[in-house]
Amino acid sequence: MQVLLVEDNMLLGDAIRDHVAADGHSIDWCLNLAEAEDAAESRPYGVILLDLRLPDGNGMSLLKAMRRKQRSVNIIILTAHDQTSDQLEGMRNGADDFLVKPFGLSELSARMRALPGCHP
């Protein structure tokens, strides 16, 4: 499955990229919102792993745009925002799941496997 990772933290991004690839998925990694928007428009992804706090904006805008365009891609928010209100906003806007940083990579794998069509 093709995965898009949107994460500006290099250390975390490296770990997620390597782990997702080791699980048998192909992964593209974007460091900011502009790159992620271009990537999401240019190819189909089975899942987007989306940080909210990005250097050029809030990842929630990408989530909203994908849902406005009726894109059926699975989206898991990965963020340090741990407020219940942030989680509810993400789910209201169409996120399929929400992981609060720090999280275990094995938990990320399990949550990805639980999504429709997200098997390596």
Protein backbone atom coordinates (compact mmCIF):
# COMPACT_ATOMS: atom_id res chain seq x y z
CA MET A 1 0.00 0.00 0.00
CA GLN A 2 1.12 3.54 -0.71
CA VAL A 3 1.44 5.75 2.40
CA LEU A 4 1.95 9.51 2.64
CA LEU A 5 3.69 10.71 5.81
CA VAL A 6 3.33 14.42 6.59
CA GLU A 7 5.74 15.17 9.45
CA ASP A 8 8.25 17.99 9.97
CA ASN A 9 10.19 16.38 12.83
CA MET A 10 13.15 14.68 11.17
CA LEU A 11 13.87 12.18 13.96
CA LEU A 12 10.26 11.06 14.25
CA GLY A 13 9.78 11.10 10.47
CA ASP A 14 12.81 8.86 9.95
CA ALA A 15 11.54 6.37 12.53
CA ILE A 16 8.01 6.28 11.09
CA ARG A 17 9.25 6.02 7.50
CA ASP A 18 11.56 3.12 8.32
CA HIS A 19 8.92 1.32 10.38
CA VAL A 20 6.15 1.69 7.80
CA ALA A 21 8.51 0.51 5.04
CA ALA A 22 9.55 -2.49 7.18
CA ASP A 23 5.84 -3.35 7.46
CA GLY A 24 5.81 -3.74 3.67
CA HIS A 25 4.34 -0.41 2.57
CA SER A 26 5.70 2.14 0.10
CA ILE A 27 6.02 5.54 1.75
CA ASP A 28 6.44 9.13 0.60
CA TRP A 29 7.43 11.70 3.19
CA CYS A 30 6.62 15.41 3.09
CA LEU A 31 7.99 17.95 5.54
CA ASN A 32 5.36 20.65 5.07
CA LEU A 33 1.79 21.30 4.04
CA ALA A 34 2.55 22.58 0.53
CA GLU A 35 4.51 19.42 -0.37
CA ALA A 36 1.78 17.25 1.14
CA GLU A 37 -0.97 18.97 -0.84
CA ASP A 38 0.99 18.44 -4.08
CA ALA A 39 1.70 14.80 -3.24
CA ALA A 40 -1.92 14.07 -2.31
CA GLU A 41 -3.06 15.49 -5.65
CA SER A 42 -0.46 13.64 -7.71
CA ARG A 43 -1.01 10.02 -6.64
CA PRO A 44 -3.46 7.80 -4.82
CA TYR A 45 -2.60 6.88 -1.24
CA GLY A 46 -4.11 4.17 0.90
CA VAL A 47 -3.39 6.12 4.06
CA ILE A 48 -2.08 9.55 5.04
CA LEU A 49 -0.25 9.91 8.36
CA LEU A 50 -0.82 13.58 9.11
CA ASP A 51 0.83 15.88 11.63
CA LEU A 52 -1.20 18.98 12.51
CA ARG A 53 1.50 21.50 13.41
CA LEU A 54 3.50 22.09 10.26
CA PRO A 55 5.87 24.96 9.44
CA ASP A 56 3.53 26.38 6.78
CA GLY A 57 0.12 25.68 8.28
CA ASN A 58 -2.20 23.29 10.05
CA GLY A 59 -2.55 19.76 8.72
CA MET A 60 -6.26 19.96 9.44
CA SER A 61 -6.61 22.03 6.25
CA LEU A 62 -5.31 19.08 4.19
CA LEU A 63 -7.75 16.77 5.95
CA LYS A 64 -10.66 19.11 5.19
CA ALA A 65 -9.58 19.51 1.56
CA MET A 66 -9.35 15.76 1.04
CA ARG A 67 -12.83 15.26 2.46
CA ARG A 68 -14.33 18.15 0.43
CA LYS A 69 -13.01 16.43 -2.69
CA GLN A 70 -14.62 13.17 -1.54
CA ARG A 71 -11.27 11.44 -1.32
CA SER A 72 -11.74 8.09 0.39
CA VAL A 73 -8.13 7.85 1.60
CA ASN A 74 -7.69 6.75 5.21
CA ILE A 75 -6.21 9.53 7.36
CA ILE A 76 -4.58 9.06 10.75
CA ILE A 77 -3.68 12.24 12.61
CA LEU A 78 -0.34 12.05 14.43
CA THR A 79 0.06 15.00 16.75
CA ALA A 80 1.19 16.31 20.10
CA HIS A 81 -2.22 18.01 20.46
CA ASP A 82 -3.63 15.93 23.28
CA GLN A 83 -6.81 17.84 24.03
CA THR A 84 -10.05 15.95 23.59
CA SER A 85 -11.35 18.94 21.61
CA ASP A 86 -8.51 18.48 19.07
CA GLN A 87 -9.36 14.81 18.71
CA LEU A 88 -13.05 15.55 18.26
CA GLU A 89 -12.29 18.26 15.67
CA GLY A 90 -10.14 15.81 13.73
CA MET A 91 -12.82 13.14 13.78
CA ARG A 92 -15.56 15.65 12.85
CA ASN A 93 -13.47 16.69 9.86
CA GLY A 94 -13.09 13.13 8.64
CA ALA A 95 -10.00 11.64 10.30
CA ASP A 96 -10.17 7.87 10.58
CA ASP A 97 -7.98 7.72 13.67
CA PHE A 98 -5.93 9.92 15.98
CA LEU A 99 -2.63 9.11 17.71
CA VAL A 100 -1.12 11.42 20.32
CA LYS A 101 2.68 11.76 20.32
CA PRO A 102 4.63 10.06 21.67
CA PHE A 103 3.18 6.76 20.48
CA GLY A 104 4.59 3.31 19.91
CA LEU A 105 5.36 2.34 16.32
CA SER A 106 3.72 -1.03 16.88
CA GLU A 107 0.52 0.81 17.85
CA LEU A 108 0.72 2.79 14.61
CA SER A 109 1.06 -0.46 12.66
CA ALA A 110 -1.93 -1.99 14.44
CA ARG A 111 -4.08 1.05 13.77
CA MET A 112 -3.07 1.09 10.11
CA ARG A 113 -3.95 -2.61 9.77
CA ALA A 114 -7.37 -1.93 11.29
CA LEU A 115 -8.29 0.54 8.54
CA PRO A 116 -10.22 -0.66 5.48
CA GLY A 117 -7.91 -1.80 2.69
CA CYS A 118 -4.71 -1.09 4.61
CA HIS A 119 -2.80 -4.32 4.34
CA PRO A 120 0.75 -4.51 2.94
